[in-house]
All heavy atoms as atom14 arrays in JSON, in Angstrom:
{
  "sequence": "VTVEGKPLSNADIREEVDTFMFEGHDTTTSGISFTIYQLAINQHVQD",
  "atom14_mask": [
    [1, 1, 1, 1, 1, 1, 1, 0, 0, 0, 0, 0, 0, 0],
    [1, 1, 1, 1, 1, 1, 1, 0, 0, 0, 0, 0, 0, 0],
    [1, 1, 1, 1, 1, 1, 1, 0, 0, 0, 0, 0, 0, 0],
    [1, 1, 1, 1, 1, 1, 1, 1, 1, 0, 0, 0, 0, 0],
    [1, 1, 1, 1, 0, 0, 0, 0, 0, 0, 0, 0, 0, 0],
    [1, 1, 1, 1, 1, 1, 1, 1, 1, 0, 0, 0, 0, 0],
    [1, 1, 1, 1, 1, 1, 1, 0, 0, 0, 0, 0, 0, 0],
    [1, 1, 1, 1, 1, 1, 1, 1, 0, 0, 0, 0, 0, 0],
    [1, 1, 1, 1, 1, 1, 0, 0, 0, 0, 0, 0, 0, 0],
    [1, 1, 1, 1, 1, 1, 1, 1, 0, 0, 0, 0, 0, 0],
    [1, 1, 1, 1, 1, 0, 0, 0, 0, 0, 0, 0, 0, 0],
    [1, 1, 1, 1, 1, 1, 1, 1, 0, 0, 0, 0, 0, 0],
    [1, 1, 1, 1, 1, 1, 1, 1, 0, 0, 0, 0, 0, 0],
    [1, 1, 1, 1, 1, 1, 1, 1, 1, 1, 1, 0, 0, 0],
    [1, 1, 1, 1, 1, 1, 1, 1, 1, 0, 0, 0, 0, 0],
    [1, 1, 1, 1, 1, 1, 1, 1, 1, 0, 0, 0, 0, 0],
    [1, 1, 1, 1, 1, 1, 1, 0, 0, 0, 0, 0, 0, 0],
    [1, 1, 1, 1, 1, 1, 1, 1, 0, 0, 0, 0, 0, 0],
    [1, 1, 1, 1, 1, 1, 1, 0, 0, 0, 0, 0, 0, 0],
    [1, 1, 1, 1, 1, 1, 1, 1, 1, 1, 1, 0, 0, 0],
    [1, 1, 1, 1, 1, 1, 1, 1, 0, 0, 0, 0, 0, 0],
    [1, 1, 1, 1, 1, 1, 1, 1, 1, 1, 1, 0, 0, 0],
    [1, 1, 1, 1, 1, 1, 1, 1, 1, 0, 0, 0, 0, 0],
    [1, 1, 1, 1, 0, 0, 0, 0, 0, 0, 0, 0, 0, 0],
    [1, 1, 1, 1, 1, 1, 1, 1, 1, 1, 0, 0, 0, 0],
    [1, 1, 1, 1, 1, 1, 1, 1, 0, 0, 0, 0, 0, 0],
    [1, 1, 1, 1, 1, 1, 1, 0, 0, 0, 0, 0, 0, 0],
    [1, 1, 1, 1, 1, 1, 1, 0, 0, 0, 0, 0, 0, 0],
    [1, 1, 1, 1, 1, 1, 1, 0, 0, 0, 0, 0, 0, 0],
    [1, 1, 1, 1, 1, 1, 0, 0, 0, 0, 0, 0, 0, 0],
    [1, 1, 1, 1, 0, 0, 0, 0, 0, 0, 0, 0, 0, 0],
    [1, 1, 1, 1, 1, 1, 1, 1, 0, 0, 0, 0, 0, 0],
    [1, 1, 1, 1, 1, 1, 0, 0, 0, 0, 0, 0, 0, 0],
    [1, 1, 1, 1, 1, 1, 1, 1, 1, 1, 1, 0, 0, 0],
    [1, 1, 1, 1, 1, 1, 1, 0, 0, 0, 0, 0, 0, 0],
    [1, 1, 1, 1, 1, 1, 1, 1, 0, 0, 0, 0, 0, 0],
    [1, 1, 1, 1, 1, 1, 1, 1, 1, 1, 1, 1, 0, 0],
    [1, 1, 1, 1, 1, 1, 1, 1, 1, 0, 0, 0, 0, 0],
    [1, 1, 1, 1, 1, 1, 1, 1, 0, 0, 0, 0, 0, 0],
    [1, 1, 1, 1, 1, 0, 0, 0, 0, 0, 0, 0, 0, 0],
    [1, 1, 1, 1, 1, 1, 1, 1, 0, 0, 0, 0, 0, 0],
    [1, 1, 1, 1, 1, 1, 1, 1, 0, 0, 0, 0, 0, 0],
    [1, 1, 1, 1, 1, 1, 1, 1, 1, 0, 0, 0, 0, 0],
    [1, 1, 1, 1, 1, 1, 1, 1, 1, 1, 0, 0, 0, 0],
    [1, 1, 1, 1, 1, 1, 1, 0, 0, 0, 0, 0, 0, 0],
    [1, 1, 1, 1, 1, 1, 1, 1, 1, 0, 0, 0, 0, 0],
    [1, 1, 1, 1, 1, 1, 1, 1, 0, 0, 0, 0, 0, 0]
  ],
  "atom14_positions": [
    [[0.82, -1.2, 0.0], [0.0, 0.0, 0.0], [0.86, 1.27, 0.0], [1.99, 1.27, 0.5], [-0.94, 0.0, 1.22], [-0.18, 0.33, 2.5], [-2.08, 0.98, 1.02], [0.0, 0.0, 0.0], [0.0, 0.0, 0.0], [0.0, 0.0, 0.0], [0.0, 0.0, 0.0], [0.0, 0.0, 0.0], [0.0, 0.0, 0.0], [0.0, 0.0, 0.0]],
    [[0.34, 2.33, -0.57], [0.99, 3.64, -0.5], [-0.01, 4.64, 0.08], [-1.21, 4.57, -0.2], [1.45, 4.13, -1.88], [0.31, 4.2, -2.76], [2.49, 3.21, -2.47], [0.0, 0.0, 0.0], [0.0, 0.0, 0.0], [0.0, 0.0, 0.0], [0.0, 0.0, 0.0], [0.0, 0.0, 0.0], [0.0, 0.0, 0.0], [0.0, 0.0, 0.0]],
    [[0.5, 5.55, 0.88], [-0.29, 6.63, 1.46], [0.31, 7.95, 1.0], [1.46, 8.26, 1.34], [-0.31, 6.55, 2.99], [-1.15, 7.69, 3.57], [-0.85, 5.21, 3.46], [0.0, 0.0, 0.0], [0.0, 0.0, 0.0], [0.0, 0.0, 0.0], [0.0, 0.0, 0.0], [0.0, 0.0, 0.0], [0.0, 0.0, 0.0], [0.0, 0.0, 0.0]],
    [[-0.44, 8.67, 0.18], [0.05, 9.92, -0.41], [1.37, 9.68, -1.14], [2.32, 10.47, -1.05], [0.21, 10.99, 0.68], [-1.11, 11.37, 1.34], [-0.93, 12.4, 2.45], [0.23, 12.71, 2.8], [-1.95, 12.9, 2.95], [0.0, 0.0, 0.0], [0.0, 0.0, 0.0], [0.0, 0.0, 0.0], [0.0, 0.0, 0.0], [0.0, 0.0, 0.0]],
    [[1.42, 8.55, -1.84], [2.58, 8.23, -2.66], [3.74, 7.59, -1.93], [4.74, 7.22, -2.55], [0.0, 0.0, 0.0], [0.0, 0.0, 0.0], [0.0, 0.0, 0.0], [0.0, 0.0, 0.0], [0.0, 0.0, 0.0], [0.0, 0.0, 0.0], [0.0, 0.0, 0.0], [0.0, 0.0, 0.0], [0.0, 0.0, 0.0], [0.0, 0.0, 0.0]],
    [[3.61, 7.41, -0.6], [4.71, 6.84, 0.18], [4.29, 5.52, 0.81], [3.17, 5.39, 1.3], [5.14, 7.82, 1.28], [5.68, 9.15, 0.77], [6.06, 10.05, 1.93], [6.58, 11.4, 1.43], [6.93, 12.3, 2.56], [0.0, 0.0, 0.0], [0.0, 0.0, 0.0], [0.0, 0.0, 0.0], [0.0, 0.0, 0.0], [0.0, 0.0, 0.0]],
    [[5.2, 4.52, 0.83], [4.87, 3.25, 1.48], [4.89, 3.41, 3.0], [5.48, 4.34, 3.55], [5.99, 2.32, 1.01], [7.15, 3.23, 0.75], [6.55, 4.51, 0.23], [0.0, 0.0, 0.0], [0.0, 0.0, 0.0], [0.0, 0.0, 0.0], [0.0, 0.0, 0.0], [0.0, 0.0, 0.0], [0.0, 0.0, 0.0], [0.0, 0.0, 0.0]],
    [[4.24, 2.49, 3.69], [4.29, 2.47, 5.15], [5.69, 2.05, 5.61], [6.36, 1.25, 4.96], [3.26, 1.49, 5.71], [1.78, 1.79, 5.46], [0.92, 0.65, 6.02], [1.38, 3.11, 6.07], [0.0, 0.0, 0.0], [0.0, 0.0, 0.0], [0.0, 0.0, 0.0], [0.0, 0.0, 0.0], [0.0, 0.0, 0.0], [0.0, 0.0, 0.0]],
    [[6.13, 2.58, 6.74], [7.43, 2.19, 7.3], [7.32, 0.8, 7.93], [6.22, 0.31, 8.19], [7.87, 3.19, 8.36], [7.04, 3.09, 9.5], [0.0, 0.0, 0.0], [0.0, 0.0, 0.0], [0.0, 0.0, 0.0], [0.0, 0.0, 0.0], [0.0, 0.0, 0.0], [0.0, 0.0, 0.0], [0.0, 0.0, 0.0], [0.0, 0.0, 0.0]],
    [[8.47, 0.18, 8.2], [8.46, -1.12, 8.87], [7.78, -1.04, 10.23], [7.08, -1.97, 10.65], [9.89, -1.64, 9.03], [10.38, -2.34, 7.78], [9.73, -2.3, 6.73], [11.54, -2.97, 7.86], [0.0, 0.0, 0.0], [0.0, 0.0, 0.0], [0.0, 0.0, 0.0], [0.0, 0.0, 0.0], [0.0, 0.0, 0.0], [0.0, 0.0, 0.0]],
    [[8.0, 0.09, 10.94], [7.38, 0.26, 12.27], [5.86, 0.34, 12.13], [5.12, -0.24, 12.94], [7.93, 1.51, 12.94], [0.0, 0.0, 0.0], [0.0, 0.0, 0.0], [0.0, 0.0, 0.0], [0.0, 0.0, 0.0], [0.0, 0.0, 0.0], [0.0, 0.0, 0.0], [0.0, 0.0, 0.0], [0.0, 0.0, 0.0], [0.0, 0.0, 0.0]],
    [[5.38, 1.06, 11.12], [3.93, 1.15, 10.88], [3.34, -0.22, 10.61], [2.28, -0.58, 11.13], [3.64, 2.06, 9.67], [3.94, 3.52, 9.94], [3.88, 3.93, 11.11], [4.25, 4.25, 8.97], [0.0, 0.0, 0.0], [0.0, 0.0, 0.0], [0.0, 0.0, 0.0], [0.0, 0.0, 0.0], [0.0, 0.0, 0.0], [0.0, 0.0, 0.0]],
    [[4.03, -0.98, 9.77], [3.54, -2.31, 9.39], [3.55, -3.25, 10.59], [2.61, -4.0, 10.82], [4.38, -2.87, 8.23], [4.17, -2.02, 6.97], [4.05, -4.33, 7.97], [5.11, -2.36, 5.85], [0.0, 0.0, 0.0], [0.0, 0.0, 0.0], [0.0, 0.0, 0.0], [0.0, 0.0, 0.0], [0.0, 0.0, 0.0], [0.0, 0.0, 0.0]],
    [[4.63, -3.17, 11.38], [4.75, -4.08, 12.52], [3.63, -3.88, 13.51], [3.04, -4.86, 14.02], [6.1, -3.88, 13.22], [6.32, -4.88, 14.36], [7.62, -4.62, 15.08], [7.55, -3.4, 15.87], [8.6, -2.74, 16.35], [9.83, -3.19, 16.08], [8.45, -1.66, 17.06], [0.0, 0.0, 0.0], [0.0, 0.0, 0.0], [0.0, 0.0, 0.0]],
    [[3.26, -2.63, 13.82], [2.23, -2.42, 14.82], [0.86, -2.92, 14.34], [0.06, -3.39, 15.14], [2.16, -0.96, 15.25], [1.83, 0.05, 14.19], [2.0, 1.48, 14.67], [2.61, 1.68, 15.75], [1.55, 2.41, 13.98], [0.0, 0.0, 0.0], [0.0, 0.0, 0.0], [0.0, 0.0, 0.0], [0.0, 0.0, 0.0], [0.0, 0.0, 0.0]],
    [[0.61, -2.89, 13.02], [-0.66, -3.41, 12.52], [-0.65, -4.93, 12.48], [-1.65, -5.58, 12.79], [-0.97, -2.83, 11.14], [-1.15, -1.32, 11.1], [-2.26, -0.82, 12.02], [-3.06, -1.63, 12.51], [-2.31, 0.4, 12.25], [0.0, 0.0, 0.0], [0.0, 0.0, 0.0], [0.0, 0.0, 0.0], [0.0, 0.0, 0.0], [0.0, 0.0, 0.0]],
    [[0.47, -5.53, 12.08], [0.57, -6.99, 12.06], [0.46, -7.54, 13.48], [-0.26, -8.52, 13.73], [1.88, -7.45, 11.39], [2.08, -8.95, 11.58], [1.87, -7.11, 9.91], [0.0, 0.0, 0.0], [0.0, 0.0, 0.0], [0.0, 0.0, 0.0], [0.0, 0.0, 0.0], [0.0, 0.0, 0.0], [0.0, 0.0, 0.0], [0.0, 0.0, 0.0]],
    [[1.16, -6.92, 14.42], [1.09, -7.37, 15.82], [-0.32, -7.22, 16.38], [-0.8, -8.08, 17.13], [2.08, -6.59, 16.68], [3.53, -7.02, 16.47], [3.74, -8.11, 15.92], [4.45, -6.26, 16.85], [0.0, 0.0, 0.0], [0.0, 0.0, 0.0], [0.0, 0.0, 0.0], [0.0, 0.0, 0.0], [0.0, 0.0, 0.0], [0.0, 0.0, 0.0]],
    [[-1.0, -6.13, 16.01], [-2.38, -5.93, 16.45], [-3.28, -7.02, 15.9], [-4.11, -7.59, 16.62], [-2.9, -4.55, 15.98], [-2.14, -3.52, 16.63], [-4.38, -4.37, 16.32], [0.0, 0.0, 0.0], [0.0, 0.0, 0.0], [0.0, 0.0, 0.0], [0.0, 0.0, 0.0], [0.0, 0.0, 0.0], [0.0, 0.0, 0.0], [0.0, 0.0, 0.0]],
    [[-3.12, -7.33, 14.62], [-3.9, -8.38, 13.98], [-3.65, -9.72, 14.66], [-4.57, -10.51, 14.89], [-3.53, -8.44, 12.5], [-4.54, -9.14, 11.63], [-5.86, -8.75, 11.62], [-4.16, -10.2, 10.82], [-6.79, -9.39, 10.8], [-5.08, -10.85, 10.01], [-6.4, -10.44, 10.01], [0.0, 0.0, 0.0], [0.0, 0.0, 0.0], [0.0, 0.0, 0.0]],
    [[-2.38, -9.99, 15.01], [-2.03, -11.23, 15.68], [-2.73, -11.33, 17.03], [-3.33, -12.36, 17.38], [-0.51, -11.3, 15.89], [0.29, -11.62, 14.64], [-0.05, -13.29, 14.04], [0.28, -14.23, 15.52], [0.0, 0.0, 0.0], [0.0, 0.0, 0.0], [0.0, 0.0, 0.0], [0.0, 0.0, 0.0], [0.0, 0.0, 0.0], [0.0, 0.0, 0.0]],
    [[-2.64, -10.25, 17.81], [-3.22, -10.26, 19.16], [-4.73, -10.41, 19.11], [-5.32, -11.27, 19.77], [-2.83, -8.98, 19.89], [-3.58, -8.78, 21.19], [-3.27, -9.55, 22.3], [-4.58, -7.82, 21.31], [-3.95, -9.39, 23.5], [-5.26, -7.64, 22.5], [-4.95, -8.43, 23.59], [0.0, 0.0, 0.0], [0.0, 0.0, 0.0], [0.0, 0.0, 0.0]],
    [[-5.38, -9.56, 18.31], [-6.85, -9.57, 18.26], [-7.39, -10.8, 17.54], [-8.5, -11.26, 17.84], [-7.34, -8.32, 17.54], [-7.16, -7.04, 18.35], [-8.03, -5.93, 17.81], [-7.6, -5.26, 16.86], [-9.14, -5.74, 18.33], [0.0, 0.0, 0.0], [0.0, 0.0, 0.0], [0.0, 0.0, 0.0], [0.0, 0.0, 0.0], [0.0, 0.0, 0.0]],
    [[-6.63, -11.32, 16.59], [-7.17, -12.35, 15.71], [-7.07, -13.76, 16.21], [-7.74, -14.65, 15.68], [0.0, 0.0, 0.0], [0.0, 0.0, 0.0], [0.0, 0.0, 0.0], [0.0, 0.0, 0.0], [0.0, 0.0, 0.0], [0.0, 0.0, 0.0], [0.0, 0.0, 0.0], [0.0, 0.0, 0.0], [0.0, 0.0, 0.0], [0.0, 0.0, 0.0]],
    [[-6.27, -14.02, 17.24], [-6.21, -15.41, 17.71], [-6.87, -15.57, 19.08], [-7.55, -16.57, 19.33], [-4.76, -15.93, 17.72], [-4.04, -15.77, 19.01], [-3.41, -14.59, 19.36], [-3.83, -16.63, 20.05], [-2.85, -14.74, 20.55], [-3.1, -15.96, 20.99], [0.0, 0.0, 0.0], [0.0, 0.0, 0.0], [0.0, 0.0, 0.0], [0.0, 0.0, 0.0]],
    [[-6.72, -14.59, 19.96], [-7.33, -14.71, 21.29], [-8.84, -14.64, 21.24], [-9.54, -15.39, 21.93], [-6.79, -13.59, 22.19], [-5.67, -14.09, 23.1], [-5.37, -15.29, 23.06], [-5.11, -13.27, 23.84], [0.0, 0.0, 0.0], [0.0, 0.0, 0.0], [0.0, 0.0, 0.0], [0.0, 0.0, 0.0], [0.0, 0.0, 0.0], [0.0, 0.0, 0.0]],
    [[-9.38, -13.73, 20.43], [-10.83, -13.55, 20.38], [-11.52, -14.75, 19.72], [-12.56, -15.21, 20.21], [-11.2, -12.26, 19.63], [-10.54, -12.25, 18.36], [-10.78, -11.04, 20.41], [0.0, 0.0, 0.0], [0.0, 0.0, 0.0], [0.0, 0.0, 0.0], [0.0, 0.0, 0.0], [0.0, 0.0, 0.0], [0.0, 0.0, 0.0], [0.0, 0.0, 0.0]],
    [[-10.96, -15.25, 18.63], [-11.58, -16.42, 17.98], [-11.44, -17.67, 18.86], [-12.35, -18.51, 18.9], [-10.96, -16.7, 16.6], [-9.54, -16.77, 16.7], [-11.32, -15.6, 15.63], [0.0, 0.0, 0.0], [0.0, 0.0, 0.0], [0.0, 0.0, 0.0], [0.0, 0.0, 0.0], [0.0, 0.0, 0.0], [0.0, 0.0, 0.0], [0.0, 0.0, 0.0]],
    [[-10.31, -17.79, 19.56], [-10.15, -18.9, 20.51], [-11.26, -18.87, 21.55], [-11.88, -19.9, 21.87], [-8.78, -18.83, 21.21], [-7.75, -19.03, 20.25], [-8.67, -19.9, 22.3], [0.0, 0.0, 0.0], [0.0, 0.0, 0.0], [0.0, 0.0, 0.0], [0.0, 0.0, 0.0], [0.0, 0.0, 0.0], [0.0, 0.0, 0.0], [0.0, 0.0, 0.0]],
    [[-11.53, -17.69, 22.09], [-12.59, -17.54, 23.08], [-13.95, -17.91, 22.49], [-14.71, -18.69, 23.08], [-12.61, -16.09, 23.6], [-13.66, -15.88, 24.51], [0.0, 0.0, 0.0], [0.0, 0.0, 0.0], [0.0, 0.0, 0.0], [0.0, 0.0, 0.0], [0.0, 0.0, 0.0], [0.0, 0.0, 0.0], [0.0, 0.0, 0.0], [0.0, 0.0, 0.0]],
    [[-14.25, -17.37, 21.31], [-15.54, -17.65, 20.68], [-15.76, -19.12, 20.4], [-16.83, -19.68, 20.66], [0.0, 0.0, 0.0], [0.0, 0.0, 0.0], [0.0, 0.0, 0.0], [0.0, 0.0, 0.0], [0.0, 0.0, 0.0], [0.0, 0.0, 0.0], [0.0, 0.0, 0.0], [0.0, 0.0, 0.0], [0.0, 0.0, 0.0], [0.0, 0.0, 0.0]],
    [[-14.74, -19.78, 19.84], [-14.84, -21.2, 19.52], [-14.96, -22.04, 20.79], [-15.82, -22.93, 20.9], [-13.62, -21.65, 18.7], [-13.65, -21.01, 17.31], [-13.58, -23.18, 18.58], [-12.33, -21.12, 16.56], [0.0, 0.0, 0.0], [0.0, 0.0, 0.0], [0.0, 0.0, 0.0], [0.0, 0.0, 0.0], [0.0, 0.0, 0.0], [0.0, 0.0, 0.0]],
    [[-14.12, -21.75, 21.78], [-14.06, -22.58, 22.98], [-15.34, -22.51, 23.8], [-15.83, -23.54, 24.3], [-12.86, -22.15, 23.84], [-11.65, -22.36, 23.15], [0.0, 0.0, 0.0], [0.0, 0.0, 0.0], [0.0, 0.0, 0.0], [0.0, 0.0, 0.0], [0.0, 0.0, 0.0], [0.0, 0.0, 0.0], [0.0, 0.0, 0.0], [0.0, 0.0, 0.0]],
    [[-15.91, -21.33, 23.94], [-17.15, -21.22, 24.71], [-18.34, -21.82, 23.94], [-19.3, -22.27, 24.56], [-17.41, -19.78, 25.1], [-16.55, -19.31, 26.25], [-15.64, -18.28, 26.09], [-16.64, -19.92, 27.49], [-14.84, -17.87, 27.14], [-15.85, -19.51, 28.56], [-14.94, -18.48, 28.38], [0.0, 0.0, 0.0], [0.0, 0.0, 0.0], [0.0, 0.0, 0.0]],
    [[-18.27, -21.84, 22.62], [-19.31, -22.53, 21.86], [-19.19, -24.04, 22.06], [-20.19, -24.75, 22.2], [-19.23, -22.18, 20.36], [-19.27, -20.77, 20.2], [-20.39, -22.8, 19.6], [0.0, 0.0, 0.0], [0.0, 0.0, 0.0], [0.0, 0.0, 0.0], [0.0, 0.0, 0.0], [0.0, 0.0, 0.0], [0.0, 0.0, 0.0], [0.0, 0.0, 0.0]],
    [[-17.95, -24.55, 22.09], [-17.73, -25.97, 22.41], [-18.31, -26.29, 23.79], [-18.95, -27.32, 23.99], [-16.23, -26.3, 22.35], [-15.73, -26.22, 20.9], [-15.96, -27.68, 22.94], [-14.22, -26.33, 20.77], [0.0, 0.0, 0.0], [0.0, 0.0, 0.0], [0.0, 0.0, 0.0], [0.0, 0.0, 0.0], [0.0, 0.0, 0.0], [0.0, 0.0, 0.0]],
    [[-18.08, -25.39, 24.73], [-18.62, -25.56, 26.09], [-20.15, -25.7, 26.04], [-20.72, -26.6, 26.67], [-18.2, -24.36, 26.93], [-18.96, -24.18, 28.22], [-18.61, -24.9, 29.36], [-20.02, -23.28, 28.31], [-19.3, -24.73, 30.55], [-20.72, -23.1, 29.49], [-20.35, -23.82, 30.61], [-21.04, -23.65, 31.79], [0.0, 0.0, 0.0], [0.0, 0.0, 0.0]],
    [[-20.8, -24.83, 25.28], [-22.26, -24.87, 25.2], [-22.74, -26.15, 24.5], [-23.76, -26.73, 24.9], [-22.79, -23.64, 24.45], [-22.55, -22.32, 25.16], [-23.37, -22.18, 26.44], [-24.12, -23.07, 26.84], [-23.22, -21.05, 27.11], [0.0, 0.0, 0.0], [0.0, 0.0, 0.0], [0.0, 0.0, 0.0], [0.0, 0.0, 0.0], [0.0, 0.0, 0.0]],
    [[-22.05, -26.58, 23.47], [-22.43, -27.81, 22.79], [-22.27, -29.02, 23.69], [-23.06, -29.98, 23.61], [-21.59, -27.99, 21.52], [-21.82, -26.96, 20.4], [-20.81, -27.17, 19.27], [-23.24, -27.05, 19.87], [0.0, 0.0, 0.0], [0.0, 0.0, 0.0], [0.0, 0.0, 0.0], [0.0, 0.0, 0.0], [0.0, 0.0, 0.0], [0.0, 0.0, 0.0]],
    [[-21.26, -28.99, 24.56], [-21.03, -30.12, 25.46], [-22.13, -30.25, 26.5], [-22.57, -31.36, 26.82], [-19.67, -29.98, 26.14], [0.0, 0.0, 0.0], [0.0, 0.0, 0.0], [0.0, 0.0, 0.0], [0.0, 0.0, 0.0], [0.0, 0.0, 0.0], [0.0, 0.0, 0.0], [0.0, 0.0, 0.0], [0.0, 0.0, 0.0], [0.0, 0.0, 0.0]],
    [[-22.61, -29.12, 27.02], [-23.62, -29.2, 28.09], [-25.05, -29.13, 27.55], [-26.0, -29.35, 28.3], [-23.41, -28.09, 29.14], [-23.56, -26.7, 28.52], [-22.07, -28.25, 29.83], [-23.43, -25.58, 29.54], [0.0, 0.0, 0.0], [0.0, 0.0, 0.0], [0.0, 0.0, 0.0], [0.0, 0.0, 0.0], [0.0, 0.0, 0.0], [0.0, 0.0, 0.0]],
    [[-25.19, -28.85, 26.26], [-26.52, -28.83, 25.62], [-26.52, -29.83, 24.47], [-26.43, -29.46, 23.3], [-26.85, -27.42, 25.12], [-26.99, -26.41, 26.24], [-28.02, -26.34, 26.9], [-25.95, -25.63, 26.46], [0.0, 0.0, 0.0], [0.0, 0.0, 0.0], [0.0, 0.0, 0.0], [0.0, 0.0, 0.0], [0.0, 0.0, 0.0], [0.0, 0.0, 0.0]],
    [[-26.63, -31.11, 24.81], [-26.5, -32.17, 23.82], [-27.58, -32.09, 22.73], [-27.32, -32.43, 21.57], [-26.55, -33.54, 24.5], [-25.31, -33.86, 25.32], [-24.07, -34.06, 24.45], [-24.09, -34.81, 23.48], [-22.98, -33.37, 24.81], [0.0, 0.0, 0.0], [0.0, 0.0, 0.0], [0.0, 0.0, 0.0], [0.0, 0.0, 0.0], [0.0, 0.0, 0.0]],
    [[-28.77, -31.61, 23.07], [-29.83, -31.51, 22.06], [-29.47, -30.48, 20.99], [-29.81, -30.65, 19.82], [-31.16, -31.15, 22.72], [-31.18, -29.8, 23.37], [-30.5, -29.51, 24.54], [-31.81, -28.64, 22.99], [-30.7, -28.24, 24.87], [-31.48, -27.69, 23.95], [0.0, 0.0, 0.0], [0.0, 0.0, 0.0], [0.0, 0.0, 0.0], [0.0, 0.0, 0.0]],
    [[-28.76, -29.43, 21.4], [-28.31, -28.43, 20.43], [-27.23, -29.03, 19.53], [-27.23, -28.84, 18.31], [-27.77, -27.18, 21.15], [-27.15, -26.2, 20.15], [-28.89, -26.5, 21.93], [0.0, 0.0, 0.0], [0.0, 0.0, 0.0], [0.0, 0.0, 0.0], [0.0, 0.0, 0.0], [0.0, 0.0, 0.0], [0.0, 0.0, 0.0], [0.0, 0.0, 0.0]],
    [[-26.3, -29.78, 20.14], [-25.24, -30.41, 19.36], [-25.83, -31.41, 18.36], [-25.38, -31.48, 17.2], [-24.25, -31.12, 20.28], [-23.05, -31.68, 19.54], [-22.03, -32.37, 20.47], [-21.17, -33.09, 20.01], [-22.14, -32.14, 21.76], [0.0, 0.0, 0.0], [0.0, 0.0, 0.0], [0.0, 0.0, 0.0], [0.0, 0.0, 0.0], [0.0, 0.0, 0.0]],
    [[-26.85, -32.17, 18.79], [-27.49, -33.14, 17.89], [-28.14, -32.43, 16.71], [-28.04, -32.89, 15.55], [-28.53, -33.97, 18.64], [-27.89, -34.92, 19.65], [-26.68, -35.18, 19.53], [-28.62, -35.37, 20.56], [0.0, 0.0, 0.0], [0.0, 0.0, 0.0], [0.0, 0.0, 0.0], [0.0, 0.0, 0.0], [0.0, 0.0, 0.0], [0.0, 0.0, 0.0]]
  ]
}
């Protein structure tokens, strides 16, 4: 990407990649895991 004709610096890129890493694995892990929890205790829903 270019912004006003200039590419992003390595520091700019790193903070966005690190943000994506942090937000993108912890939140989905939580969402998936608690849904597994609900499926385990609500067998009729799992069926």
